[in-house]
C-alpha cells in the first residue's frame, strides 16, 4: 500500500495540473458569461433550486421562515415559493436547508450590499443569480484542488491533469456547474471529496481538529442531500484491504473514542437547525417534505435502466465514465485499500440510486445523481490512465489523450444538443436518440419519437418500456388521424416545458398534486377539442 507521507510534503512543485485547474475554472466562467442566464427571469433560481434557496429569501427578505406571508397571499408568490403543507396545515419548505447554507456565504453579503447601497434587495434579482453562479464555481474549484492533491500522492502530474479535464469537461458536471449551477450536484461533489480528504488527514494525524472537520463535512453532506450519507462508510473503510487491517482500523477508532464523540456531536449540531425548523413549522422534529411522492423500491433496483437506458442512462449519456469502471481493474493492482473502499461505496450508492422510484431523477442532462461521487471515481479513472501511460507502446501512451479528446468532444456536442432540444430532458427513447445522433438540432420528426415517463406507474415501482406508438405511422406518412384522448393531451402537456411550468403554479395555488393538475387540464382540453 502506498504511504501517505507525501501528502502536503512533496518537495517537487508540480505545475501543469495546477494550470489545468485555472484553465477549467476560466472555461466555466466564460461559459456562464456566454450563457448569460443571470439576465433571464426564469433561469438559475428555478425548479428544485426554488426549494433549496427558499430559506434565504424567507429569512433575509421576508423575515418569516414559517412562510405565513405566502399563506396570506395565495398565488402572489407562486413563482418564488413552492412549499408543501404539513399535516398541521402549516407551510414547510420541501427540501432540507443544506443548499441554503452553502449559498449563504455568497448570498448574504450580496443582500446586505444591495440594502446598504439602496438597490432592490428582493432575493431574486440579477446580483443574487450571479452570486449563486460564483458559489458553484468556488466549490467546484475547491473540489478540483482537493482531487489534485489526493491524486498526486499516487499518480503522475500527467495522469492527474487528464483526470481533471475528463471530470470537468467530459461529463455532465460542466452542465451542473454552469447552466444549472445552483442545483446540488457541484456542491455535493465538493463536500464528498472534502470528507474523503478529511478522512485521510485524520488517519495521518488523529486529533480533534480533523474530527471536527470530519463532523462538519459529514453534517453538510447529510443536510444538502440526505441519501449521500452512504459516503460515511468511507470513514472506517478508507485504505483497508484485508480483515486484519479492518480490525486494526476498528481498534484505532475505538482507542480515539473521544474523537468519535466530537465527530458525532459536530455532525448532530449541523443538523439541529433543520430539526428546529421542522418543529417550528410542521410540529415534529423529523419531517418528510416529499410525503408519498418519493420512495425507494429496494426489491426492484433499476440497474440496467440507470446505467444504459435511452431515457437517462448514465453511461449512455456520459460514456467518459466507462473508463473508471474499467480502471477498477488496475486500481486493485495499484492500491487495494482504495480499490475496496471506492468499489463498495460505488456499488452501494448505485443500488440506492437505482432503487429510487424516479431512477432518472427528473429532467436533466444525463443522470445527474452520479455527479456527487465523481471525486471518488477519479481514483479508478487515474488508474486507467496510469496503466496505459506506463506501457512502452507509443500507441498505448497516446491512447489516453485520444480517449479524453473524443469523450470531451462528444460530451460538449451532446451538451449543445441538449440546449437545442435535440436531447430531451426526460422523454428520450431509442428512436429519438438515434434520430438526433450526430445532429445539433432536432429533426421535424423528433418530438413524435418522445415518450414521457409514466409517473403513476413509477410511484408503484413499475417501469413500462417506452413505446413510440406513432413512429411507424410517421415514417410511412400515413394520414390516419391520431385519436385525441385525455391521455393524448396529458402527454402533450408533459412534453411542453412551458405548459408544465404554468400547471406547476396552478397546482401550488390550488394546493393539489401536480399529477392531478395535469389531469384536470388534459380533460379540459379533451372536452374543448372533442
Protein backbone atom coordinates (compact mmCIF):
# COMPACT_ATOMS: atom_id res chain seq x y z
CA UNK A 1 0.00 0.00 0.00
CA UNK A 2 1.24 3.45 -0.87
CA UNK A 3 2.15 5.57 2.12
CA UNK A 4 0.67 8.99 2.62
CA UNK A 5 3.81 10.76 3.82
CA UNK A 6 3.99 12.64 0.51
CA UNK A 7 0.66 14.36 1.15
CA UNK A 8 1.32 18.11 1.51
CA UNK A 9 5.06 17.36 1.77
CA UNK A 10 6.06 16.97 -1.85
CA UNK A 11 9.25 18.90 -2.50
CA UNK A 12 8.74 18.80 -6.23
CA UNK A 13 6.38 21.54 -7.34
CA UNK A 14 4.07 20.13 -9.96
CA UNK A 15 2.68 22.99 -12.00
CA UNK A 16 0.81 21.67 -15.03
CA UNK A 17 -2.20 20.16 -13.22
CA UNK A 18 -2.50 23.41 -11.27
CA UNK A 19 -2.58 25.34 -14.54
CA UNK A 20 -5.24 22.93 -15.77
CA UNK A 21 -7.47 23.88 -12.82
CA UNK A 22 -7.07 27.57 -13.65
CA UNK A 23 -7.97 26.88 -17.28
CA UNK A 24 -11.01 24.81 -16.31
CA UNK A 25 -12.29 27.48 -13.94
CA UNK A 26 -11.78 30.07 -16.68
CA UNK A 27 -13.81 27.92 -19.08
CA UNK A 28 -16.66 27.69 -16.58
CA UNK A 29 -16.64 31.44 -16.03
CA UNK A 30 -16.61 32.13 -19.77
CA UNK A 31 -19.45 29.68 -20.26
CA UNK A 32 -21.50 31.45 -17.60
CA UNK A 33 -20.86 34.75 -19.37
CA UNK A 34 -21.72 33.25 -22.76
CA UNK A 35 -24.97 31.74 -21.47
CA UNK A 36 -25.85 34.94 -19.55
CA UNK A 37 -28.56 33.11 -17.61
CA UNK A 38 -28.31 35.75 -14.91
CA UNK A 39 -30.14 38.10 -17.30
CA UNK A 40 -33.09 35.72 -17.61
CA UNK A 41 -36.02 35.92 -15.23
CA UNK A 42 -36.66 32.18 -15.31
CA UNK A 43 -33.10 30.83 -15.11
CA UNK A 44 -30.75 29.83 -12.26
CA UNK A 45 -33.33 30.15 -9.44
CA UNK A 46 -35.72 27.63 -10.99
CA UNK A 47 -37.13 24.14 -10.46
CA UNK A 48 -35.59 22.34 -7.47
CA UNK A 49 -33.46 25.42 -6.73
CA UNK A 50 -36.62 27.27 -5.67
CA UNK A 51 -36.85 24.74 -2.81
CA UNK A 52 -33.13 24.74 -1.95
CA UNK A 53 -32.90 28.53 -1.98
CA UNK A 54 -36.21 29.36 -0.26
CA UNK A 55 -34.74 29.56 3.26
CA UNK A 56 -32.57 32.57 2.38
CA UNK A 57 -35.17 34.98 0.93
CA UNK A 58 -37.72 33.82 3.50
CA UNK A 59 -35.29 34.84 6.25
CA UNK A 60 -33.45 37.80 4.71
CA UNK A 61 -36.19 39.44 2.66
CA UNK A 62 -39.47 38.46 4.36
CA UNK A 63 -38.16 37.68 7.87
CA UNK A 64 -40.60 34.76 8.04
CA UNK A 65 -39.35 31.18 7.85
CA UNK A 66 -42.88 29.97 8.61
CA UNK A 67 -43.97 31.37 5.22
CA UNK A 68 -47.07 32.99 6.70
CA UNK A 69 -46.68 35.75 4.11
CA UNK A 70 -47.21 33.11 1.40
CA UNK A 71 -50.32 31.75 3.11
CA UNK A 72 -51.79 35.23 3.42
CA UNK A 73 -51.40 36.00 -0.29
CA UNK A 74 -52.38 32.86 -2.29
CA UNK A 75 -50.81 32.87 -5.72
CA UNK A 76 -48.76 36.02 -5.22
CA UNK A 77 -45.51 34.17 -4.53
CA UNK A 78 -46.09 31.12 -6.75
CA UNK A 79 -43.08 32.00 -8.89
CA UNK A 80 -40.78 32.05 -5.84
CA UNK A 81 -42.02 29.66 -3.17
CA UNK A 82 -43.35 26.14 -3.60
CA UNK A 83 -43.92 24.95 -0.04
CA UNK A 84 -45.65 21.74 0.98
CA UNK A 85 -48.46 21.60 3.51
CA UNK A 86 -47.74 19.71 6.73
CA UNK A 87 -50.46 17.67 8.49
CA UNK A 88 -50.93 20.61 10.88
CA UNK A 89 -51.85 22.81 7.90
CA UNK A 90 -48.67 24.89 8.01
CA UNK A 91 -46.42 25.63 5.06
CA UNK A 92 -42.99 23.92 5.07
CA UNK A 93 -40.10 24.29 2.63
CA UNK A 94 -39.94 20.89 0.95
CA UNK A 95 -36.17 20.26 0.98
CA UNK A 96 -33.56 20.47 3.71
CA UNK A 97 -31.65 23.71 4.22
CA UNK A 98 -28.21 22.39 3.27
CA UNK A 99 -28.05 24.17 -0.05
CA UNK A 100 -29.09 27.46 1.51
CA UNK A 101 -26.23 27.01 3.98
CA UNK A 102 -23.82 26.50 1.06
CA UNK A 103 -25.23 29.53 -0.78
CA UNK A 104 -25.21 31.74 2.33
CA UNK A 105 -21.56 32.97 2.24
CA UNK A 106 -22.28 34.41 -1.19
CA UNK A 107 -25.93 35.46 -0.91
CA UNK A 108 -25.80 37.19 2.49
CA UNK A 109 -23.03 39.69 1.53
CA UNK A 110 -24.79 40.34 -1.76
CA UNK A 111 -28.08 41.00 0.01
CA UNK A 112 -26.68 43.46 2.54
CA UNK A 113 -24.54 45.20 -0.05
CA UNK A 114 -27.68 45.85 -2.08
CA UNK A 115 -29.51 47.12 1.00
CA UNK A 116 -26.66 49.43 2.01
CA UNK A 117 -26.39 50.87 -1.49
CA UNK A 118 -30.13 51.38 -1.77
CA UNK A 119 -30.63 48.82 -4.55
CA UNK A 120 -33.55 46.40 -4.84
CA UNK A 121 -32.74 43.58 -2.39
CA UNK A 122 -35.59 41.23 -3.26
CA UNK A 123 -33.58 37.99 -3.18
CA UNK A 124 -34.17 37.07 -6.82
CA UNK A 125 -32.58 39.78 -8.94
CA UNK A 126 -29.50 39.57 -11.15
CA UNK A 127 -26.89 40.10 -8.38
CA UNK A 128 -28.27 37.14 -6.42
CA UNK A 129 -28.09 34.93 -9.50
CA UNK A 130 -24.51 35.97 -10.17
CA UNK A 131 -23.69 35.18 -6.53
CA UNK A 132 -25.11 31.67 -6.99
CA UNK A 133 -23.03 31.12 -10.13
CA UNK A 134 -19.91 32.27 -8.29
CA UNK A 135 -20.69 29.93 -5.39
CA UNK A 136 -20.92 26.91 -7.71
CA UNK A 137 -17.60 27.72 -9.38
CA UNK A 138 -15.97 28.36 -5.99
CA UNK A 139 -16.94 24.95 -4.60
CA UNK A 140 -16.08 23.23 -7.85
CA UNK A 141 -12.65 24.86 -7.81
CA UNK A 142 -12.08 23.64 -4.23
CA UNK A 143 -13.11 20.13 -5.27
CA UNK A 144 -10.67 20.08 -8.18
CA UNK A 145 -7.87 21.32 -5.92
CA UNK A 146 -8.56 18.54 -3.39
CA UNK A 147 -8.75 15.87 -6.11
CA UNK A 148 -5.45 17.10 -7.48
CA UNK A 149 -3.79 16.93 -4.04
CA UNK A 150 -5.03 13.40 -3.44
CA UNK A 151 -4.19 12.02 -6.88
CA UNK A 152 -0.66 13.43 -6.87
CA UNK A 153 0.13 11.18 -3.90
CA UNK A 154 -0.34 8.11 -6.11
CA UNK A 155 -0.14 9.25 -9.74
CA UNK A 156 1.87 11.49 -12.03
CA UNK A 157 1.03 15.07 -12.89
CA UNK A 158 0.09 13.99 -16.42
CA UNK A 159 -2.39 11.41 -15.15
CA UNK A 160 -3.82 13.92 -12.67
CA UNK A 161 -4.26 16.52 -15.41
CA UNK A 162 -6.07 14.04 -17.65
CA UNK A 163 -8.43 13.12 -14.82
CA UNK A 164 -9.26 16.76 -14.04
CA UNK A 165 -10.03 17.51 -17.69
CA UNK A 166 -12.10 14.34 -18.03
CA UNK A 167 -14.28 15.05 -15.00
CA UNK A 168 -14.75 18.74 -15.70
CA UNK A 169 -15.34 18.68 -19.46
CA UNK A 170 -16.09 15.07 -20.31
CA UNK A 171 -19.09 14.58 -18.02
CA UNK A 172 -22.36 16.29 -17.12
CA UNK A 173 -20.51 18.09 -14.31
CA UNK A 174 -19.90 21.04 -16.65
CA UNK A 175 -23.65 21.44 -17.11
CA UNK A 176 -24.29 21.40 -13.36
CA UNK A 177 -21.51 23.91 -12.73
CA UNK A 178 -22.83 26.43 -15.27
CA UNK A 179 -26.26 26.09 -16.89
CA UNK A 180 -27.89 24.59 -13.79
CA UNK A 181 -25.17 25.61 -11.37
CA UNK A 182 -27.39 26.15 -8.33
CA UNK A 183 -28.54 22.52 -8.28
CA UNK A 184 -26.98 20.44 -5.51
CA UNK A 185 -24.53 18.35 -7.52
CA UNK A 186 -21.47 20.58 -7.84
CA UNK A 187 -21.79 21.29 -4.11
CA UNK A 188 -22.09 17.61 -3.16
CA UNK A 189 -19.19 16.86 -5.49
CA UNK A 190 -17.08 19.16 -3.31
CA UNK A 191 -18.46 18.03 0.06
CA UNK A 192 -17.85 14.34 -0.60
CA UNK A 193 -14.25 14.78 -1.74
CA UNK A 194 -13.71 17.14 1.22
CA UNK A 195 -14.98 14.38 3.54
CA UNK A 196 -12.52 11.93 1.93
CA UNK A 197 -9.73 14.49 2.26
CA UNK A 198 -10.52 14.99 5.96
CA UNK A 199 -10.60 11.23 6.46
CA UNK A 200 -7.11 10.82 5.02
CA UNK A 201 -5.79 13.74 7.05
CA UNK A 202 -7.31 12.27 10.22
CA UNK A 203 -5.61 8.92 9.76
CA UNK A 204 -2.36 10.66 9.08
CA UNK A 205 -2.66 12.68 12.29
CA UNK A 206 -5.62 11.75 14.54
CA UNK A 207 -6.61 14.82 16.54
CA UNK A 208 -9.65 16.89 17.49
CA UNK A 209 -9.26 19.38 14.62
CA UNK A 210 -9.74 16.72 11.96
CA UNK A 211 -12.50 15.06 14.00
CA UNK A 212 -14.33 18.42 13.95
CA UNK A 213 -13.76 18.88 10.21
CA UNK A 214 -14.99 15.34 9.58
CA UNK A 215 -18.15 16.03 11.58
CA UNK A 216 -18.73 19.32 9.77
CA UNK A 217 -18.26 17.86 6.28
CA UNK A 218 -20.42 14.84 7.18
CA UNK A 219 -23.17 17.08 8.57
CA UNK A 220 -23.22 19.27 5.46
CA UNK A 221 -23.34 16.19 3.22
CA UNK A 222 -26.42 14.95 5.09
CA UNK A 223 -28.01 18.40 5.14
CA UNK A 224 -27.53 19.02 1.41
CA UNK A 225 -28.59 15.59 0.17
CA UNK A 226 -29.61 13.11 2.90
CA UNK A 227 -29.13 9.99 0.74
CA UNK A 228 -25.44 10.86 0.40
CA UNK A 229 -24.83 9.70 3.97
CA UNK A 230 -23.83 6.44 2.33
CA UNK A 231 -20.42 8.04 1.87
CA UNK A 232 -19.91 7.76 5.64
CA UNK A 233 -18.72 4.18 5.08
CA UNK A 234 -15.55 5.77 3.72
CA UNK A 235 -14.50 6.73 7.25
CA UNK A 236 -13.92 3.21 8.66
CA UNK A 237 -13.02 1.61 5.32
CA UNK A 238 -10.54 4.02 3.73
CA UNK A 239 -7.28 2.23 2.89
CA UNK A 240 -8.43 -1.09 4.38
CA UNK A 241 -7.55 -4.07 2.16
CA UNK A 242 -7.93 -7.09 4.48
CA UNK A 243 -9.84 -8.33 7.50
CA UNK A 244 -6.80 -7.87 9.73
CA UNK A 245 -6.47 -4.26 8.57
CA UNK A 246 -10.16 -3.71 9.27
CA UNK A 247 -9.77 -4.98 12.82
CA UNK A 248 -6.76 -2.70 13.27
CA UNK A 249 -8.81 0.22 11.96
CA UNK A 250 -11.66 -0.55 14.37
CA UNK A 251 -9.16 -0.73 17.21
CA UNK A 252 -7.66 2.62 16.20
CA UNK A 253 -11.05 4.33 16.11
CA UNK A 254 -12.10 2.86 19.46
CA UNK A 255 -8.83 3.98 21.03
CA UNK A 256 -9.74 7.52 19.95
CA UNK A 257 -13.31 7.33 21.28
CA UNK A 258 -13.21 10.98 22.32
CA UNK A 259 -12.67 11.93 18.67
CA UNK A 260 -15.66 9.81 17.71
CA UNK A 261 -17.83 11.64 20.24
CA UNK A 262 -16.63 15.01 18.92
CA UNK A 263 -17.32 13.87 15.34
CA UNK A 264 -20.85 12.80 16.29
CA UNK A 265 -21.57 15.99 18.25
CA UNK A 266 -20.45 18.25 15.39
CA UNK A 267 -22.45 16.20 12.88
CA UNK A 268 -25.60 16.37 15.02
CA UNK A 269 -25.08 20.08 15.73
CA UNK A 270 -25.04 20.70 11.97
CA UNK A 271 -28.45 19.03 11.70
CA UNK A 272 -30.06 20.70 14.73
CA UNK A 273 -31.16 23.91 12.88
CA UNK A 274 -33.06 21.75 10.39
CA UNK A 275 -34.80 19.83 13.15
CA UNK A 276 -35.74 23.07 14.91
CA UNK A 277 -37.13 24.47 11.65
CA UNK A 278 -39.27 21.36 11.12
CA UNK A 279 -40.53 21.55 14.71
CA UNK A 280 -41.35 25.25 14.30
CA UNK A 281 -43.32 24.71 11.09
CA UNK A 282 -44.65 21.13 10.95
CA UNK A 283 -44.79 20.46 14.69
CA UNK A 284 -42.41 17.48 14.51
CA UNK A 285 -38.62 17.21 14.60
CA UNK A 286 -38.41 14.96 11.55
CA UNK A 287 -40.49 15.85 8.53
CA UNK A 288 -40.51 14.23 5.09
CA UNK A 289 -41.14 17.05 2.64
CA UNK A 290 -41.61 14.61 -0.23
CA UNK A 291 -44.51 12.85 1.50
CA UNK A 292 -45.75 9.89 -0.51
CA UNK A 293 -44.24 11.41 -3.63
CA UNK A 294 -40.83 9.90 -3.02
CA UNK A 295 -39.94 6.35 -2.07
CA UNK A 296 -37.40 3.60 -2.63
CA UNK A 297 -38.08 0.19 -4.15
CA UNK A 298 -35.09 -1.75 -2.82
CA UNK A 299 -36.57 -5.01 -4.08
CA UNK A 300 -36.65 -3.66 -7.64
CA UNK A 301 -33.43 -1.74 -8.40
CA UNK A 302 -33.28 -0.48 -11.98
CA UNK A 303 -29.58 -1.21 -12.62
CA UNK A 304 -29.92 -1.67 -16.38
CA UNK A 305 -32.05 1.45 -16.77
CA UNK A 306 -29.99 3.78 -14.62
CA UNK A 307 -26.79 2.75 -16.44
CA UNK A 308 -27.85 2.17 -20.03
CA UNK A 309 -31.42 3.36 -20.68
CA UNK A 310 -32.05 5.65 -23.63
CA UNK A 311 -34.24 7.72 -21.34
CA UNK A 312 -31.48 8.74 -18.94
CA UNK A 313 -28.84 6.02 -18.76
CA UNK A 314 -25.70 7.32 -17.04
CA UNK A 315 -23.16 5.55 -19.22
CA UNK A 316 -25.08 6.20 -22.44
CA UNK A 317 -25.08 9.98 -21.96
CA UNK A 318 -21.78 10.15 -20.06
CA UNK A 319 -19.62 7.47 -21.77
CA UNK A 320 -16.45 9.01 -20.30
CA UNK A 321 -17.33 7.24 -17.06
CA UNK A 322 -16.92 3.83 -18.66
CA UNK A 323 -13.18 4.42 -18.23
CA UNK A 324 -13.14 4.48 -14.39
CA UNK A 325 -15.27 1.33 -14.33
CA UNK A 326 -12.57 -0.39 -16.39
CA UNK A 327 -9.95 1.33 -14.26
CA UNK A 328 -11.07 -0.58 -11.15
CA UNK A 329 -9.04 -3.49 -12.55
CA UNK A 330 -5.78 -1.55 -12.33
CA UNK A 331 -6.73 0.29 -9.14
CA UNK A 332 -6.83 -3.14 -7.50
CA UNK A 333 -3.22 -3.71 -8.56
CA UNK A 334 -2.05 -0.25 -7.53
CA UNK A 335 -3.84 0.16 -4.19
CA UNK A 336 -6.18 -2.50 -2.83
CA UNK A 337 -7.22 -0.34 0.10
CA UNK A 338 -8.61 2.43 -2.10
CA UNK A 339 -9.98 -0.14 -4.57
CA UNK A 340 -12.18 -1.89 -1.98
CA UNK A 341 -13.36 1.36 -0.40
CA UNK A 342 -14.35 3.10 -3.64
CA UNK A 343 -15.85 -0.04 -5.21
CA UNK A 344 -18.01 -0.84 -2.16
CA UNK A 345 -19.22 2.76 -2.00
CA UNK A 346 -19.93 2.87 -5.73
CA UNK A 347 -21.93 -0.38 -5.69
CA UNK A 348 -24.00 0.53 -2.63
CA UNK A 349 -24.69 4.06 -3.85
CA UNK A 350 -25.64 2.84 -7.33
CA UNK A 351 -28.01 0.32 -5.73
CA UNK A 352 -29.67 3.07 -3.69
CA UNK A 353 -29.92 5.45 -6.67
CA UNK A 354 -31.38 2.74 -8.91
CA UNK A 355 -33.96 1.88 -6.20
CA UNK A 356 -35.34 5.43 -6.09
CA UNK A 357 -38.79 5.47 -7.67
CA UNK A 358 -37.66 8.22 -10.04
CA UNK A 359 -34.45 6.48 -11.12
CA UNK A 360 -33.96 9.04 -13.95
CA UNK A 361 -34.10 11.87 -11.34
CA UNK A 362 -36.43 14.12 -13.29
CA UNK A 363 -35.48 16.44 -16.11
CA UNK A 364 -31.73 16.63 -16.53
CA UNK A 365 -28.74 16.35 -18.82
CA UNK A 366 -27.69 12.73 -18.35
CA UNK A 367 -28.21 11.09 -14.98
CA UNK A 368 -27.23 13.87 -12.59
CA UNK A 369 -27.34 11.76 -9.44
CA UNK A 370 -23.96 10.16 -10.23
CA UNK A 371 -22.11 13.50 -10.28
CA UNK A 372 -21.83 13.55 -6.49
CA UNK A 373 -19.38 10.61 -6.47
CA UNK A 374 -17.19 11.67 -9.40
CA UNK A 375 -14.48 12.74 -6.96
CA UNK A 376 -14.07 9.18 -5.71
CA UNK A 377 -14.30 7.76 -9.22
CA UNK A 378 -11.26 9.92 -10.01
CA UNK A 379 -9.14 7.16 -8.45
CA UNK A 380 -10.08 4.30 -10.81
CA UNK A 381 -10.05 6.77 -13.71
CA UNK A 382 -6.49 7.74 -12.78
CA UNK A 383 -5.54 4.07 -12.52
CA UNK A 384 -6.84 3.52 -16.06
CA UNK A 385 -4.73 6.36 -17.47
CA UNK A 386 -1.71 5.30 -15.39
CA UNK A 387 -1.83 1.79 -16.80
CA UNK A 388 -1.82 2.95 -20.42
CA UNK A 389 0.84 5.61 -19.91
CA UNK A 390 3.14 3.12 -18.17
CA UNK A 391 3.32 0.89 -21.26
CA UNK A 392 6.20 1.05 -23.72
CA UNK A 393 3.94 1.05 -26.75
CA UNK A 394 3.62 4.53 -28.27
CA UNK A 395 0.08 3.67 -29.34
CA UNK A 396 -0.97 2.89 -25.74
CA UNK A 397 0.75 6.02 -24.46
CA UNK A 398 -1.17 8.15 -26.95
CA UNK A 399 -4.49 6.38 -26.33
CA UNK A 400 -5.41 8.23 -23.07
CA UNK A 401 -5.08 11.59 -24.80
CA UNK A 402 -7.18 10.39 -27.74
CA UNK A 403 -9.87 9.00 -25.45
CA UNK A 404 -10.07 12.22 -23.48
CA UNK A 405 -10.28 14.24 -26.71
CA UNK A 406 -13.04 12.01 -28.13
CA UNK A 407 -15.14 11.86 -24.97
CA UNK A 408 -14.78 15.56 -24.18
CA UNK A 409 -15.75 16.47 -27.75
CA UNK A 410 -18.69 14.06 -27.62
CA UNK A 411 -19.86 15.47 -24.29
CA UNK A 412 -19.66 19.09 -25.43
CA UNK A 413 -21.51 18.19 -28.63
CA UNK A 414 -24.24 16.46 -26.63
CA UNK A 415 -24.43 19.45 -24.32
CA UNK A 416 -25.20 21.67 -27.29
CA UNK A 417 -27.76 19.11 -28.48
CA UNK A 418 -29.42 19.28 -25.07
CA UNK A 419 -29.57 23.06 -25.18
CA UNK A 420 -31.02 22.94 -28.70
CA UNK A 421 -33.64 20.39 -27.72
CA UNK A 422 -32.14 17.53 -29.75
CA UNK A 423 -31.80 15.62 -26.48
CA UNK A 424 -34.97 15.86 -24.41
CA UNK A 425 -34.69 16.48 -20.70
CA UNK A 426 -36.82 13.46 -19.73
CA UNK A 427 -38.64 11.80 -22.67
CA UNK A 428 -35.84 10.21 -24.72
CA UNK A 429 -36.36 6.87 -26.45
CA UNK A 430 -34.18 4.65 -28.59
CA UNK A 431 -35.83 6.07 -31.70
CA UNK A 432 -35.36 9.68 -30.56
CA UNK A 433 -31.73 9.10 -29.58
CA UNK A 434 -30.73 7.72 -32.97
CA UNK A 435 -32.85 10.26 -34.82
CA UNK A 436 -30.78 13.01 -33.15
CA UNK A 437 -27.44 11.22 -33.20
CA UNK A 438 -24.84 13.46 -34.85
CA UNK A 439 -27.30 16.34 -35.27
CA UNK A 440 -27.06 19.59 -33.35
CA UNK A 441 -30.75 20.39 -33.75
CA UNK A 442 -33.84 18.19 -33.54
CA UNK A 443 -35.41 16.90 -36.73
CA UNK A 444 -39.03 17.54 -37.71
CA UNK A 445 -39.91 14.03 -36.53
CA UNK A 446 -38.04 14.19 -33.20
CA UNK A 447 -40.93 15.29 -30.98
CA UNK A 448 -43.05 12.40 -32.27
CA UNK A 449 -40.42 9.91 -31.09
CA UNK A 450 -40.50 11.03 -27.47
CA UNK A 451 -42.34 9.16 -24.72
CA UNK A 452 -42.96 10.92 -21.43
CA UNK A 453 -42.33 8.72 -18.35
CA UNK A 454 -45.28 7.03 -16.71
CA UNK A 455 -45.04 8.70 -13.31
CA UNK A 456 -48.14 6.96 -12.00
CA UNK A 457 -46.60 3.55 -12.64
CA UNK A 458 -43.20 4.68 -11.32
CA UNK A 459 -44.76 5.53 -7.96
CA UNK A 460 -45.62 1.83 -7.73
CA UNK A 461 -42.15 0.72 -8.76
CA UNK A 462 -43.34 -0.26 -12.26
CA UNK A 463 -41.40 0.92 -15.31
CA UNK A 464 -43.07 0.03 -18.61
CA UNK A 465 -40.83 0.07 -21.64
CA UNK A 466 -41.40 3.28 -23.63
CA UNK A 467 -43.19 2.58 -26.89
CA UNK A 468 -43.25 5.13 -29.70
CA UNK A 469 -46.75 4.40 -30.88
CA UNK A 470 -46.82 6.76 -33.84
CA UNK A 471 -43.23 6.31 -35.05
CA UNK A 472 -44.09 3.81 -37.76
CA UNK A 473 -47.07 5.79 -38.94
CA UNK A 474 -44.97 8.93 -39.17
CA UNK A 475 -42.25 7.31 -41.22
CA UNK A 476 -44.64 5.86 -43.82
CA UNK A 477 -46.51 9.18 -43.97
CA UNK A 478 -49.88 7.70 -43.22
CA UNK A 479 -52.72 10.24 -42.90
CA UNK A 480 -54.59 8.23 -40.29
CA UNK A 481 -55.69 10.63 -37.56
CA UNK A 482 -54.34 10.23 -34.04
CA UNK A 483 -57.09 9.57 -31.52
CA UNK A 484 -57.02 12.58 -29.20
CA UNK A 485 -57.95 11.06 -25.85
CA UNK A 486 -57.40 12.72 -22.44
CA UNK A 487 -54.19 10.66 -22.27
CA UNK A 488 -53.06 12.26 -25.55
CA UNK A 489 -53.46 15.74 -24.11
CA UNK A 490 -51.78 14.66 -20.88
CA UNK A 491 -48.69 13.60 -22.86
CA UNK A 492 -48.81 16.87 -24.81
CA UNK A 493 -48.77 18.83 -21.56
CA UNK A 494 -45.98 16.78 -20.01
CA UNK A 495 -43.81 17.25 -23.09
CA UNK A 496 -44.22 21.04 -23.04
CA UNK A 497 -41.92 22.79 -20.52
CA UNK A 498 -43.97 25.98 -20.83
CA UNK A 499 -47.29 24.28 -20.06
CA UNK A 500 -45.70 22.29 -17.23
CA UNK A 501 -44.45 25.49 -15.64
CA UNK A 502 -47.94 27.03 -15.72
CA UNK A 503 -49.58 23.90 -14.33
CA UNK A 504 -47.00 23.62 -11.54
CA UNK A 505 -48.04 27.13 -10.47
CA UNK A 506 -51.73 26.19 -10.64
CA UNK A 507 -51.09 23.10 -8.53
CA UNK A 508 -49.36 25.17 -5.85
CA UNK A 509 -52.10 27.82 -5.81
CA UNK A 510 -54.89 25.22 -5.57
CA UNK A 511 -52.89 23.02 -3.16
CA UNK A 512 -53.27 19.89 -5.28
CA UNK A 513 -50.71 17.47 -6.66
CA UNK A 514 -49.02 18.15 -9.98
CA UNK A 515 -50.43 14.92 -11.46
CA UNK A 516 -53.96 15.97 -10.51
CA UNK A 517 -53.48 19.41 -12.05
CA UNK A 518 -52.21 17.87 -15.29
CA UNK A 519 -55.19 15.53 -15.48
CA UNK A 520 -57.64 18.40 -14.90
CA UNK A 521 -56.15 20.42 -17.76
CA UNK A 522 -55.92 17.35 -20.02
CA UNK A 523 -59.63 16.59 -19.53
CA UNK A 524 -60.49 20.26 -20.16
CA UNK A 525 -58.51 20.24 -23.44
CA UNK A 526 -60.13 16.94 -24.45
CA UNK A 527 -63.65 18.27 -23.92
CA UNK A 528 -62.82 21.57 -25.61
CA UNK A 529 -61.49 19.88 -28.76
CA UNK A 530 -63.82 16.90 -28.88
